[in-house]
PDB file of N, CA and C in Angstrom:
ATOM      1  N   UNK A   1      89.215-139.451  20.617  1.00  0.00           N
ATOM      2  CA  UNK A   1      88.573-138.738  21.029  1.00  0.00           C
ATOM      3  C   UNK A   1      87.205-138.093  19.986  1.00  0.00           C
ATOM      4  N   UNK A   2      87.275-138.520  18.681  1.00  0.00           N
ATOM      5  CA  UNK A   2      86.281-138.288  18.083  1.00  0.00           C
ATOM      6  C   UNK A   2      85.168-139.287  18.577  1.00  0.00           C
ATOM      7  N   UNK A   3      85.285-140.444  18.820  1.00  0.00           N
ATOM      8  CA  UNK A   3      84.141-141.338  19.356  1.00  0.00           C
ATOM      9  C   UNK A   3      83.244-140.557  21.018  1.00  0.00           C
ATOM     10  N   UNK A   4      84.283-140.073  21.713  1.00  0.00           N
ATOM     11  CA  UNK A   4      83.774-139.719  22.789  1.00  0.00           C
ATOM     12  C   UNK A   4      82.498-138.358  22.565  1.00  0.00           C
ATOM     13  N   UNK A   5      83.150-137.862  21.688  1.00  0.00           N
ATOM     14  CA  UNK A   5      82.691-136.358  21.435  1.00  0.00           C
ATOM     15  C   UNK A   5      81.360-136.646  21.225  1.00  0.00           C
ATOM     16  N   UNK A   6      81.491-137.855  19.888  1.00  0.00           N
ATOM     17  CA  UNK A   6      80.232-138.399  19.263  1.00  0.00           C
ATOM     18  C   UNK A   6      79.271-138.821  20.536  1.00  0.00           C
ATOM     19  N   UNK A   7      79.655-139.260  21.337  1.00  0.00           N
ATOM     20  CA  UNK A   7      78.591-139.994  22.154  1.00  0.00           C
ATOM     21  C   UNK A   7      78.197-139.052  23.266  1.00  0.00           C
ATOM     22  N   UNK A   8      78.823-137.814  23.307  1.00  0.00           N
ATOM     23  CA  UNK A   8      78.432-136.473  23.851  1.00  0.00           C
ATOM     24  C   UNK A   8      77.571-136.011  23.428  1.00  0.00           C
ATOM     25  N   UNK A   9      77.597-135.948  22.101  1.00  0.00           N
ATOM     26  CA  UNK A   9      76.714-135.059  21.056  1.00  0.00           C
ATOM     27  C   UNK A   9      75.248-136.007  20.826  1.00  0.00           C
ATOM     28  N   UNK A  10      75.497-137.256  21.141  1.00  0.00           N
ATOM     29  CA  UNK A  10      74.416-138.232  21.002  1.00  0.00           C
ATOM     30  C   UNK A  10      73.369-138.083  22.002  1.00  0.00           C
ATOM     31  N   UNK A  11      73.915-138.089  23.423  1.00  0.00           N
ATOM     32  CA  UNK A  11      73.523-138.005  24.364  1.00  0.00           C
ATOM     33  C   UNK A  11      72.732-136.397  24.828  1.00  0.00           C
ATOM     34  N   UNK A  12      73.547-135.343  24.134  1.00  0.00           N
ATOM     35  CA  UNK A  12      72.607-133.872  24.183  1.00  0.00           C
ATOM     36  C   UNK A  12      71.430-134.092  23.026  1.00  0.00           C
ATOM     37  N   UNK A  13      71.304-134.940  22.305  1.00  0.00           N
ATOM     38  CA  UNK A  13      70.461-134.764  21.284  1.00  0.00           C
ATOM     39  C   UNK A  13      69.031-135.582  21.713  1.00  0.00           C
ATOM     40  N   UNK A  14      69.652-136.714  22.352  1.00  0.00           N
ATOM     41  CA  UNK A  14      68.555-137.543  22.967  1.00  0.00           C
ATOM     42  C   UNK A  14      67.476-136.834  23.900  1.00  0.00           C
ATOM     43  N   UNK A  15      68.349-135.833  24.401  1.00  0.00           N
ATOM     44  CA  UNK A  15      67.634-135.129  25.547  1.00  0.00           C
ATOM     45  C   UNK A  15      66.536-133.912  25.017  1.00  0.00           C
ATOM     46  N   UNK A  16      66.902-133.760  23.540  1.00  0.00           N
ATOM     47  CA  UNK A  16      65.875-133.166  22.938  1.00  0.00           C
ATOM     48  C   UNK A  16      64.646-133.656  22.036  1.00  0.00           C
ATOM     49  N   UNK A  17      64.735-134.878  22.147  1.00  0.00           N
ATOM     50  CA  UNK A  17      63.600-135.499  21.359  1.00  0.00           C
ATOM     51  C   UNK A  17      62.131-135.734  22.732  1.00  0.00           C
ATOM     52  N   UNK A  18      61.403-135.589  21.778  1.00  0.00           N
ATOM     53  CA  UNK A  18      59.945-135.599  22.367  1.00  0.00           C
ATOM     54  C   UNK A  18      59.488-137.197  22.598  1.00  0.00           C
ATOM     55  N   UNK A  19      59.637-137.789  23.337  1.00  0.00           N
ATOM     56  CA  UNK A  19      59.131-139.358  23.617  1.00  0.00           C
ATOM     57  C   UNK A  19      58.008-139.102  23.672  1.00  0.00           C
ATOM     58  N   UNK A  20      57.120-140.529  22.852  1.00  0.00           N
ATOM     59  CA  UNK A  20      56.103-140.481  22.539  1.00  0.00           C
ATOM     60  C   UNK A  20      55.145-141.313  24.112  1.00  0.00           C
ATOM     61  N   UNK A  21      53.943-140.751  24.290  1.00  0.00           N
ATOM     62  CA  UNK A  21      53.123-141.586  25.749  1.00  0.00           C
ATOM     63  C   UNK A  21      52.881-142.631  25.178  1.00  0.00           C
ATOM     64  N   UNK A  22      52.630-143.551  26.438  1.00  0.00           N
ATOM     65  CA  UNK A  22      52.279-144.846  26.567  1.00  0.00           C
ATOM     66  C   UNK A  22      51.040-145.226  25.505  1.00  0.00           C
ATOM     67  N   UNK A  23      50.277-144.517  25.660  1.00  0.00           N
ATOM     68  CA  UNK A  23      48.460-144.294  24.514  1.00  0.00           C
ATOM     69  C   UNK A  23      49.309-143.991  22.995  1.00  0.00           C
ATOM     70  N   UNK A  24      50.207-143.356  23.026  1.00  0.00           N
ATOM     71  CA  UNK A  24      50.150-143.203  21.485  1.00  0.00           C
ATOM     72  C   UNK A  24      51.267-144.348  20.879  1.00  0.00           C
ATOM     73  N   UNK A  25      52.179-145.026  21.415  1.00  0.00           N
ATOM     74  CA  UNK A  25      52.921-146.239  21.495  1.00  0.00           C
ATOM     75  C   UNK A  25      51.731-147.222  21.136  1.00  0.00           C
ATOM     76  N   UNK A  26      50.713-147.423  21.741  1.00  0.00           N
ATOM     77  CA  UNK A  26      50.004-148.856  21.902  1.00  0.00           C
ATOM     78  C   UNK A  26      48.920-148.470  20.574  1.00  0.00           C
ATOM     79  N   UNK A  27      48.807-146.916  20.570  1.00  0.00           N
ATOM     80  CA  UNK A  27      47.654-146.681  19.365  1.00  0.00           C
ATOM     81  C   UNK A  27      48.907-147.203  17.904  1.00  0.00           C
ATOM     82  N   UNK A  28      49.804-146.728  18.011  1.00  0.00           N
ATOM     83  CA  UNK A  28      50.981-147.143  16.913  1.00  0.00           C
ATOM     84  C   UNK A  28      50.838-148.866  16.568  1.00  0.00           C
ATOM     85  N   UNK A  29      51.088-149.424  17.852  1.00  0.00           N
ATOM     86  CA  UNK A  29      51.159-150.819  17.562  1.00  0.00           C
ATOM     87  C   UNK A  29      49.976-151.208  17.007  1.00  0.00           C
ATOM     88  N   UNK A  30      48.312-150.893  17.824  1.00  0.00           N
ATOM     89  CA  UNK A  30      47.186-151.562  16.992  1.00  0.00           C
ATOM     90  C   UNK A  30      47.440-151.322  15.315  1.00  0.00           C
ATOM     91  N   UNK A  31      47.747-150.033  15.364  1.00  0.00           N
ATOM     92  CA  UNK A  31      47.815-149.798  13.465  1.00  0.00           C
ATOM     93  C   UNK A  31      48.482-150.999  12.920  1.00  0.00           C
ATOM     94  N   UNK A  32      50.280-150.984  13.262  1.00  0.00           N
ATOM     95  CA  UNK A  32      50.718-151.784  12.846  1.00  0.00           C
ATOM     96  C   UNK A  32      50.196-153.058  12.583  1.00  0.00           C
ATOM     97  N   UNK A  33      49.801-154.106  13.573  1.00  0.00           N
ATOM     98  CA  UNK A  33      49.450-155.234  13.836  1.00  0.00           C
ATOM     99  C   UNK A  33      48.255-155.398  13.304  1.00  0.00           C
ATOM    100  N   UNK A  34      47.372-154.598  13.216  1.00  0.00           N
ATOM    101  CA  UNK A  34      46.091-154.618  12.049  1.00  0.00           C
ATOM    102  C   UNK A  34      46.267-154.613  10.362  1.00  0.00           C
ATOM    103  N   UNK A  35      47.053-154.042  10.124  1.00  0.00           N
ATOM    104  CA  UNK A  35      47.853-153.951   9.154  1.00  0.00           C
ATOM    105  C   UNK A  35      48.431-154.906   8.771  1.00  0.00           C
ATOM    106  N   UNK A  36      49.383-155.744   9.359  1.00  0.00           N
ATOM    107  CA  UNK A  36      49.835-156.739   9.287  1.00  0.00           C
ATOM    108  C   UNK A  36      48.880-157.666   8.805  1.00  0.00           C
ATOM    109  N   UNK A  37      47.992-158.035   9.662  1.00  0.00           N
ATOM    110  CA  UNK A  37      47.045-159.281   9.688  1.00  0.00           C
ATOM    111  C   UNK A  37      46.503-158.873   8.474  1.00  0.00           C
ATOM    112  N   UNK A  38      45.705-157.678   7.782  1.00  0.00           N
ATOM    113  CA  UNK A  38      45.252-157.368   6.626  1.00  0.00           C
ATOM    114  C   UNK A  38      45.832-158.098   5.469  1.00  0.00           C
ATOM    115  N   UNK A  39      47.384-157.467   5.302  1.00  0.00           N
ATOM    116  CA  UNK A  39      48.096-157.670   4.336  1.00  0.00           C
ATOM    117  C   UNK A  39      48.445-159.268   4.527  1.00  0.00           C
ATOM    118  N   UNK A  40      48.393-160.009   5.460  1.00  0.00           N
ATOM    119  CA  UNK A  40      48.556-161.295   5.396  1.00  0.00           C
ATOM    120  C   UNK A  40      47.156-161.983   4.844  1.00  0.00           C
ATOM    121  N   UNK A  41      46.494-161.648   5.230  1.00  0.00           N
ATOM    122  CA  UNK A  41      45.027-162.028   4.615  1.00  0.00           C
ATOM    123  C   UNK A  41      44.597-161.940   3.194  1.00  0.00           C
ATOM    124  N   UNK A  42      44.869-160.815   2.945  1.00  0.00           N
ATOM    125  CA  UNK A  42      45.236-160.638   1.266  1.00  0.00           C
ATOM    126  C   UNK A  42      46.039-161.933   0.555  1.00  0.00           C
ATOM    127  N   UNK A  43      47.281-161.583   1.336  1.00  0.00           N
ATOM    128  CA  UNK A  43      48.042-162.554   0.462  1.00  0.00           C
ATOM    129  C   UNK A  43      47.722-164.106   0.306  1.00  0.00           C
ATOM    130  N   UNK A  44      47.254-164.588   1.911  1.00  0.00           N
ATOM    131  CA  UNK A  44      46.594-165.917   1.821  1.00  0.00           C
ATOM    132  C   UNK A  44      45.865-166.221   0.904  1.00  0.00           C
ATOM    133  N   UNK A  45      44.978-165.239   0.506  1.00  0.00           N
ATOM    134  CA  UNK A  45      43.893-165.507  -0.370  1.00  0.00           C
ATOM    135  C   UNK A  45      44.067-165.373  -1.884  1.00  0.00           C
ATOM    136  N   UNK A  46      45.237-164.204  -2.052  1.00  0.00           N
ATOM    137  CA  UNK A  46      45.460-164.339  -3.585  1.00  0.00           C
ATOM    138  C   UNK A  46      46.493-165.869  -3.939  1.00  0.00           C
ATOM    139  N   UNK A  47      47.307-166.341  -2.900  1.00  0.00           N
ATOM    140  CA  UNK A  47      48.245-167.320  -3.066  1.00  0.00           C
ATOM    141  C   UNK A  47      47.130-168.681  -3.291  1.00  0.00           C
ATOM    142  N   UNK A  48      45.836-168.774  -2.518  1.00  0.00           N
ATOM    143  CA  UNK A  48      45.202-169.564  -2.022  1.00  0.00           C
ATOM    144  C   UNK A  48      44.488-169.825  -3.841  1.00  0.00           C
ATOM    145  N   UNK A  49      43.967-168.310  -4.414  1.00  0.00           N
ATOM    146  CA  UNK A  49      43.386-168.629  -5.699  1.00  0.00           C
ATOM    147  C   UNK A  49      44.369-168.962  -6.797  1.00  0.00           C
ATOM    148  N   UNK A  50      45.822-168.078  -6.707  1.00  0.00           N
ATOM    149  CA  UNK A  50      46.524-168.654  -7.983  1.00  0.00           C
ATOM    150  C   UNK A  50      46.778-170.173  -7.907  1.00  0.00           C
ATOM    151  N   UNK A  51      46.903-170.895  -6.659  1.00  0.00           N
ATOM    152  CA  UNK A  51      47.196-172.212  -6.607  1.00  0.00           C
ATOM    153  C   UNK A  51      45.811-173.080  -7.387  1.00  0.00           C
ATOM    154  N   UNK A  52      44.668-172.419  -7.111  1.00  0.00           N
ATOM    155  CA  UNK A  52      43.499-173.514  -7.516  1.00  0.00           C
ATOM    156  C   UNK A  52      43.697-173.153  -8.640  1.00  0.00           C
ATOM    157  N   UNK A  53      43.914-171.832  -9.505  1.00  0.00           N
ATOM    158  CA  UNK A  53      43.877-171.412 -10.592  1.00  0.00           C
ATOM    159  C   UNK A  53      44.458-172.580 -11.540  1.00  0.00           C
ATOM    160  N   UNK A  54      46.239-172.343 -10.899  1.00  0.00           N
ATOM    161  CA  UNK A  54      46.876-173.292 -11.606  1.00  0.00           C
ATOM    162  C   UNK A  54      46.586-174.945 -11.656  1.00  0.00           C
ATOM    163  N   UNK A  55      45.848-175.425 -10.429  1.00  0.00           N
ATOM    164  CA  UNK A  55      45.500-177.048 -10.541  1.00  0.00           C
ATOM    165  C   UNK A  55      44.727-177.092 -11.675  1.00  0.00           C
ATOM    166  N   UNK A  56      43.713-175.948 -11.682  1.00  0.00           N
ATOM    167  CA  UNK A  56      42.628-176.121 -13.103  1.00  0.00           C
ATOM    168  C   UNK A  56      43.028-176.108 -14.428  1.00  0.00           C
ATOM    169  N   UNK A  57      44.291-175.087 -14.655  1.00  0.00           N
ATOM    170  CA  UNK A  57      45.017-175.184 -15.991  1.00  0.00           C
ATOM    171  C   UNK A  57      46.043-175.810 -16.153  1.00  0.00           C
ATOM    172  N   UNK A  58      46.684-176.830 -15.059  1.00  0.00           N
ATOM    173  CA  UNK A  58      47.641-177.687 -15.530  1.00  0.00           C
ATOM    174  C   UNK A  58      47.304-178.947 -14.707  1.00  0.00           C
TER     175      UNK A  58
END
């Protein structure tokens, strides 16, 4: 019985949610994608630099 009450309360709470618009979602996706690419490039450059540095030292 607790499970069904839980499901009913979840459905009631979901009706209260203010869902984002399509443009808000697209904007958020752009930010996440861009930040992921920037971090990947930074990590790639650091990896390359450390690899070359280790080749010079050893």
